[in-house]
N, C-alpha and C. Protein backbone atom coordinates (compact mmCIF):
# COMPACT_ATOMS: atom_id res chain seq x y z
N MET A 1 15.18 -50.39 5.75
CA MET A 1 14.26 -49.19 5.63
C MET A 1 13.75 -49.19 4.39
N ASN A 2 12.39 -49.20 4.44
CA ASN A 2 11.56 -49.35 3.41
C ASN A 2 11.27 -47.95 2.96
N THR A 3 11.62 -47.48 1.37
CA THR A 3 11.55 -46.39 1.00
C THR A 3 10.29 -46.11 0.25
N ASP A 4 9.34 -47.22 -0.16
CA ASP A 4 8.14 -46.83 -0.76
C ASP A 4 7.20 -45.89 -0.22
N ASN A 5 7.27 -46.09 1.28
CA ASN A 5 6.25 -45.08 2.11
C ASN A 5 6.95 -43.65 1.94
N ASN A 6 8.02 -43.31 1.95
CA ASN A 6 8.19 -42.11 1.73
C ASN A 6 8.19 -41.45 0.46
N VAL A 7 8.16 -42.21 -0.76
CA VAL A 7 7.89 -41.92 -1.92
C VAL A 7 6.69 -41.43 -2.15
N ASN A 8 5.79 -42.44 -1.46
CA ASN A 8 4.23 -42.19 -1.43
C ASN A 8 3.72 -40.71 -0.74
N VAL A 9 4.59 -40.72 0.56
CA VAL A 9 4.27 -39.33 1.16
C VAL A 9 4.78 -38.13 0.40
N ILE A 10 6.01 -38.08 -0.40
CA ILE A 10 6.08 -36.92 -0.93
C ILE A 10 5.16 -36.73 -2.37
N ASN A 11 4.63 -37.57 -2.91
CA ASN A 11 3.76 -37.60 -3.90
C ASN A 11 2.73 -37.05 -3.68
N VAL A 12 2.00 -37.31 -2.17
CA VAL A 12 0.85 -36.94 -1.76
C VAL A 12 1.28 -35.39 -1.35
N ASN A 13 2.38 -34.91 -0.89
CA ASN A 13 2.57 -33.52 -0.75
C ASN A 13 2.60 -32.61 -1.95
N VAL A 14 3.11 -33.27 -2.89
CA VAL A 14 3.40 -32.61 -4.13
C VAL A 14 1.93 -32.18 -4.83
N LYS A 15 1.31 -33.12 -4.82
CA LYS A 15 -0.05 -33.27 -5.38
C LYS A 15 -0.96 -31.96 -4.49
N ARG A 16 -0.71 -32.08 -3.40
CA ARG A 16 -1.50 -31.24 -2.45
C ARG A 16 -0.99 -29.90 -2.85
N ASP A 17 0.24 -29.65 -2.94
CA ASP A 17 0.76 -28.38 -3.44
C ASP A 17 0.31 -27.96 -4.92
N LEU A 18 0.03 -28.87 -5.63
CA LEU A 18 -0.27 -28.30 -6.86
C LEU A 18 -1.55 -28.15 -6.91
N LYS A 19 -2.46 -28.72 -6.30
CA LYS A 19 -3.81 -28.43 -6.01
C LYS A 19 -4.28 -27.13 -5.37
N ASN A 20 -3.22 -26.83 -4.25
CA ASN A 20 -3.34 -25.45 -3.65
C ASN A 20 -3.02 -24.55 -4.38
N ASN A 21 -2.02 -24.32 -5.58
CA ASN A 21 -1.62 -23.44 -6.27
C ASN A 21 -2.69 -23.28 -7.70
N ASP A 22 -3.26 -24.23 -8.00
CA ASP A 22 -4.63 -24.07 -8.60
C ASP A 22 -5.54 -23.31 -8.13
N ASN A 23 -5.97 -23.47 -6.79
CA ASN A 23 -6.80 -22.83 -6.05
C ASN A 23 -6.40 -21.30 -5.85
N ASP A 24 -5.21 -21.11 -5.84
CA ASP A 24 -4.68 -19.58 -5.83
C ASP A 24 -4.73 -19.00 -7.19
N ASN A 25 -4.62 -19.79 -8.30
CA ASN A 25 -4.92 -19.18 -9.69
C ASN A 25 -6.09 -18.79 -9.67
N VAL A 26 -7.25 -19.83 -9.29
CA VAL A 26 -8.58 -19.62 -9.43
C VAL A 26 -9.06 -18.43 -8.74
N SER A 27 -8.52 -18.12 -7.32
CA SER A 27 -9.07 -17.05 -6.59
C SER A 27 -8.34 -15.42 -7.02
N LYS A 28 -7.23 -15.80 -7.57
CA LYS A 28 -6.61 -14.43 -8.25
C LYS A 28 -7.59 -14.20 -9.75
N TYR A 29 -8.02 -15.21 -10.47
CA TYR A 29 -8.68 -14.86 -11.66
C TYR A 29 -10.07 -14.28 -11.12
N ASN A 30 -10.64 -14.71 -10.05
CA ASN A 30 -11.84 -14.27 -9.66
C ASN A 30 -11.91 -12.75 -8.88
N LYS A 31 -10.67 -12.67 -8.45
CA LYS A 31 -10.37 -11.30 -7.86
C LYS A 31 -10.29 -10.31 -8.92
N VAL A 32 -9.43 -10.62 -9.98
CA VAL A 32 -9.48 -9.73 -11.20
C VAL A 32 -10.75 -9.56 -11.81
N ARG A 33 -11.43 -10.39 -11.92
CA ARG A 33 -12.82 -10.45 -12.58
C ARG A 33 -13.74 -9.53 -11.83
N GLN A 34 -13.68 -9.69 -10.43
CA GLN A 34 -14.38 -8.68 -9.46
C GLN A 34 -14.06 -7.27 -9.83
N ILE A 35 -12.78 -7.21 -9.63
CA ILE A 35 -12.41 -5.57 -10.17
C ILE A 35 -12.78 -5.02 -11.65
N ASP A 36 -12.79 -5.93 -12.60
CA ASP A 36 -13.13 -5.61 -13.68
C ASP A 36 -14.83 -5.26 -13.88
N VAL A 37 -15.27 -5.97 -13.18
CA VAL A 37 -17.03 -5.50 -12.74
C VAL A 37 -17.19 -4.51 -12.28
N ILE A 38 -16.60 -4.06 -11.13
CA ILE A 38 -16.62 -3.06 -10.22
C ILE A 38 -16.28 -1.65 -11.31
N ALA A 39 -15.23 -1.90 -11.62
CA ALA A 39 -14.62 -0.87 -12.74
C ALA A 39 -15.86 -0.63 -14.04
N ASP A 40 -16.12 -1.53 -14.62
CA ASP A 40 -17.18 -1.07 -15.49
C ASP A 40 -18.36 -0.64 -15.00
N ASP A 41 -18.70 -0.92 -13.72
CA ASP A 41 -19.74 -0.20 -13.40
C ASP A 41 -19.72 1.33 -12.89
N ILE A 42 -18.53 1.55 -12.42
CA ILE A 42 -18.16 2.70 -12.25
C ILE A 42 -17.94 3.49 -13.43
N GLN A 43 -17.43 3.22 -14.27
CA GLN A 43 -17.23 4.04 -15.60
C GLN A 43 -18.47 4.08 -16.34
N GLU A 44 -19.30 3.36 -16.01
CA GLU A 44 -20.49 3.56 -16.79
C GLU A 44 -21.56 4.28 -16.14
N LYS A 45 -21.60 4.39 -14.82
CA LYS A 45 -22.39 5.47 -13.99
C LYS A 45 -21.74 6.61 -14.18
N LEU A 46 -20.57 7.19 -14.25
CA LEU A 46 -19.87 8.39 -14.30
C LEU A 46 -19.34 8.96 -15.81
N ASN A 47 -19.59 7.88 -16.85
CA ASN A 47 -19.26 8.21 -18.40
C ASN A 47 -18.19 8.60 -18.15
N LEU A 48 -17.07 7.62 -17.65
CA LEU A 48 -15.74 7.94 -17.70
C LEU A 48 -15.08 7.69 -18.92
N PRO A 49 -14.07 8.16 -19.23
CA PRO A 49 -13.21 8.01 -20.79
C PRO A 49 -12.37 6.70 -20.47
N LEU A 50 -12.14 6.33 -21.56
CA LEU A 50 -11.44 4.95 -21.60
C LEU A 50 -10.04 5.08 -20.91
N LYS A 51 -9.42 6.41 -21.13
CA LYS A 51 -8.06 6.23 -20.36
C LYS A 51 -8.17 6.39 -18.80
N SER A 52 -9.46 6.63 -18.16
CA SER A 52 -9.53 6.59 -16.72
C SER A 52 -9.53 5.19 -16.41
N ARG A 53 -9.78 4.13 -17.23
CA ARG A 53 -10.24 2.62 -16.77
C ARG A 53 -8.73 2.48 -15.85
N PRO A 54 -7.61 2.35 -15.84
CA PRO A 54 -6.60 1.88 -15.11
C PRO A 54 -6.50 2.57 -13.73
N PHE A 55 -6.86 3.64 -13.78
CA PHE A 55 -7.09 4.26 -12.32
C PHE A 55 -8.52 3.71 -11.39
N VAL A 56 -9.36 3.54 -12.40
CA VAL A 56 -10.59 2.91 -11.65
C VAL A 56 -10.30 1.48 -11.23
N CYS A 57 -9.64 0.85 -12.17
CA CYS A 57 -9.13 -0.56 -11.69
C CYS A 57 -8.44 -0.46 -10.42
N LEU A 58 -7.21 0.15 -10.34
CA LEU A 58 -6.76 0.25 -9.22
C LEU A 58 -7.16 0.93 -7.83
N ALA A 59 -8.29 1.93 -7.96
CA ALA A 59 -9.16 2.31 -6.94
C ALA A 59 -10.22 0.88 -6.39
N ALA A 60 -10.50 0.34 -7.46
CA ALA A 60 -11.26 -0.90 -6.95
C ALA A 60 -10.51 -2.12 -6.25
N GLN A 61 -9.20 -2.05 -6.51
CA GLN A 61 -8.24 -2.84 -6.20
C GLN A 61 -7.57 -2.59 -4.63
N GLN A 62 -7.71 -1.19 -4.46
CA GLN A 62 -7.41 -0.63 -3.32
C GLN A 62 -8.30 -0.25 -2.21
N LEU A 63 -9.35 -0.05 -2.60
CA LEU A 63 -10.39 0.74 -1.80
C LEU A 63 -11.42 -0.65 -1.33
N THR A 64 -12.02 -0.57 -0.50
CA THR A 64 -13.15 -1.28 -0.02
C THR A 64 -14.47 -1.04 -1.06
N LEU A 65 -15.26 -2.05 -1.38
CA LEU A 65 -16.66 -1.87 -1.97
C LEU A 65 -17.26 -0.57 -1.67
N ALA A 66 -17.51 -0.78 -0.28
CA ALA A 66 -18.51 0.61 0.22
C ALA A 66 -17.91 1.72 0.10
N ARG A 67 -16.44 1.92 0.29
CA ARG A 67 -15.87 3.06 0.14
C ARG A 67 -16.07 3.80 -1.28
N LEU A 68 -15.94 2.88 -2.42
CA LEU A 68 -16.10 3.11 -3.67
C LEU A 68 -17.37 3.87 -3.85
N TYR A 69 -18.49 2.86 -3.47
CA TYR A 69 -19.79 3.23 -3.74
C TYR A 69 -20.31 4.78 -2.90
N GLN A 70 -19.30 4.90 -1.89
CA GLN A 70 -19.87 6.04 -0.89
C GLN A 70 -19.23 7.23 -1.89
N HIS A 71 -18.22 6.88 -2.53
CA HIS A 71 -17.41 8.13 -3.31
C HIS A 71 -18.31 8.16 -4.49
N LEU A 72 -19.07 7.35 -5.09
CA LEU A 72 -19.96 7.61 -6.26
C LEU A 72 -20.92 8.07 -5.84
N GLU A 73 -21.55 7.78 -4.83
CA GLU A 73 -22.87 8.35 -4.44
C GLU A 73 -22.58 9.80 -3.94
N THR A 74 -21.48 10.27 -3.56
CA THR A 74 -21.21 11.53 -3.29
C THR A 74 -21.33 12.50 -4.31
N VAL A 75 -20.68 12.00 -5.60
CA VAL A 75 -20.48 12.44 -6.80
C VAL A 75 -21.78 12.60 -7.43
N THR A 76 -22.60 11.81 -7.35
CA THR A 76 -23.99 11.59 -8.33
C THR A 76 -25.20 12.09 -7.39
N SER A 77 -24.75 12.49 -5.97
CA SER A 77 -26.04 13.01 -5.41
C SER A 77 -26.64 14.24 -6.02
N GLY A 78 -27.47 14.54 -5.22
CA GLY A 78 -28.54 15.63 -5.69
C GLY A 78 -27.74 17.17 -6.17
N ARG A 79 -26.67 17.38 -5.43
CA ARG A 79 -25.80 18.43 -5.63
C ARG A 79 -24.99 18.67 -7.06
N LYS A 80 -25.08 19.84 -7.58
CA LYS A 80 -24.61 20.04 -9.23
C LYS A 80 -23.19 19.88 -8.86
N VAL A 81 -22.49 19.11 -9.45
CA VAL A 81 -20.82 18.98 -9.73
C VAL A 81 -20.60 19.20 -11.18
N ASP A 82 -19.80 20.12 -11.28
CA ASP A 82 -19.22 20.54 -12.44
C ASP A 82 -18.49 19.46 -13.15
N ASN A 83 -17.60 18.71 -12.52
CA ASN A 83 -16.83 17.45 -12.85
C ASN A 83 -16.89 16.32 -12.24
N PRO A 84 -17.74 15.32 -12.23
CA PRO A 84 -18.22 14.47 -11.42
C PRO A 84 -16.90 13.42 -11.54
N ALA A 85 -16.40 13.28 -12.56
CA ALA A 85 -15.04 12.32 -12.83
C ALA A 85 -13.99 12.71 -12.03
N GLY A 86 -13.91 14.03 -12.21
CA GLY A 86 -12.84 14.48 -11.53
C GLY A 86 -12.61 14.70 -9.83
N LEU A 87 -14.17 14.65 -9.38
CA LEU A 87 -14.24 14.48 -8.09
C LEU A 87 -14.10 13.21 -7.46
N PHE A 88 -14.77 12.14 -8.10
CA PHE A 88 -14.45 11.14 -7.91
C PHE A 88 -12.88 10.51 -7.77
N ILE A 89 -12.41 10.83 -8.81
CA ILE A 89 -10.91 10.59 -8.82
C ILE A 89 -10.22 11.52 -7.49
N TYR A 90 -10.71 12.72 -7.32
CA TYR A 90 -9.87 13.32 -6.29
C TYR A 90 -10.20 12.50 -4.95
N LEU A 91 -11.60 12.06 -4.67
CA LEU A 91 -11.84 11.62 -3.61
C LEU A 91 -11.09 10.09 -3.06
N CYS A 92 -11.08 9.70 -4.38
CA CYS A 92 -10.24 8.11 -4.52
C CYS A 92 -8.72 8.66 -4.00
N LYS A 93 -8.12 9.49 -4.52
CA LYS A 93 -6.70 9.82 -4.30
C LYS A 93 -6.38 10.31 -2.87
N LYS A 94 -7.51 11.00 -2.22
CA LYS A 94 -7.52 11.34 -0.78
C LYS A 94 -7.59 10.18 -0.14
N ASP A 95 -8.33 9.08 -0.38
CA ASP A 95 -7.88 7.86 0.55
C ASP A 95 -6.87 6.97 0.14
N GLY A 96 -6.01 7.62 -0.52
CA GLY A 96 -4.76 6.66 -0.73
C GLY A 96 -4.44 6.12 -2.04
N VAL A 97 -5.36 6.21 -3.11
CA VAL A 97 -5.15 5.42 -4.26
C VAL A 97 -4.08 6.19 -5.08
N CYS A 98 -3.10 5.68 -5.47
CA CYS A 98 -2.09 6.45 -6.15
C CYS A 98 -2.05 5.67 -7.70
N SER A 99 -1.34 6.61 -8.58
CA SER A 99 -1.51 6.22 -10.09
C SER A 99 -0.24 5.11 -9.91
N ARG A 100 -0.02 4.34 -10.87
CA ARG A 100 0.83 3.16 -10.98
C ARG A 100 2.19 3.91 -11.05
N ALA A 101 2.20 4.87 -11.81
CA ALA A 101 3.77 5.48 -12.32
C ALA A 101 4.48 5.92 -10.93
N SER A 102 3.57 6.21 -9.74
CA SER A 102 4.13 6.58 -8.42
C SER A 102 4.40 5.36 -7.44
N ASN A 103 3.85 4.19 -7.83
CA ASN A 103 3.99 3.19 -6.84
C ASN A 103 5.45 2.69 -7.05
């Protein structure tokens, strides 16, 4: 039996798996970058303190983009809100976003 063909098949499979793993790392990087951009935008619009960033990133990861911006629109709408940051966090928690300590 010729083993050269088996070795070539194994090499092709390993190369394909390595290539797929690289694509997964790129997609994870893009997802993290997208979360950072969304969190930056929300923090800027609400003037949130730096200590709120982990929660905003978690909300950006767990909620859909439409839902996040719906909450942002609710908070920044024409009505007078005493604490827009607090209302935004409350709305996100109501949708199921938890702090990392409770996960």
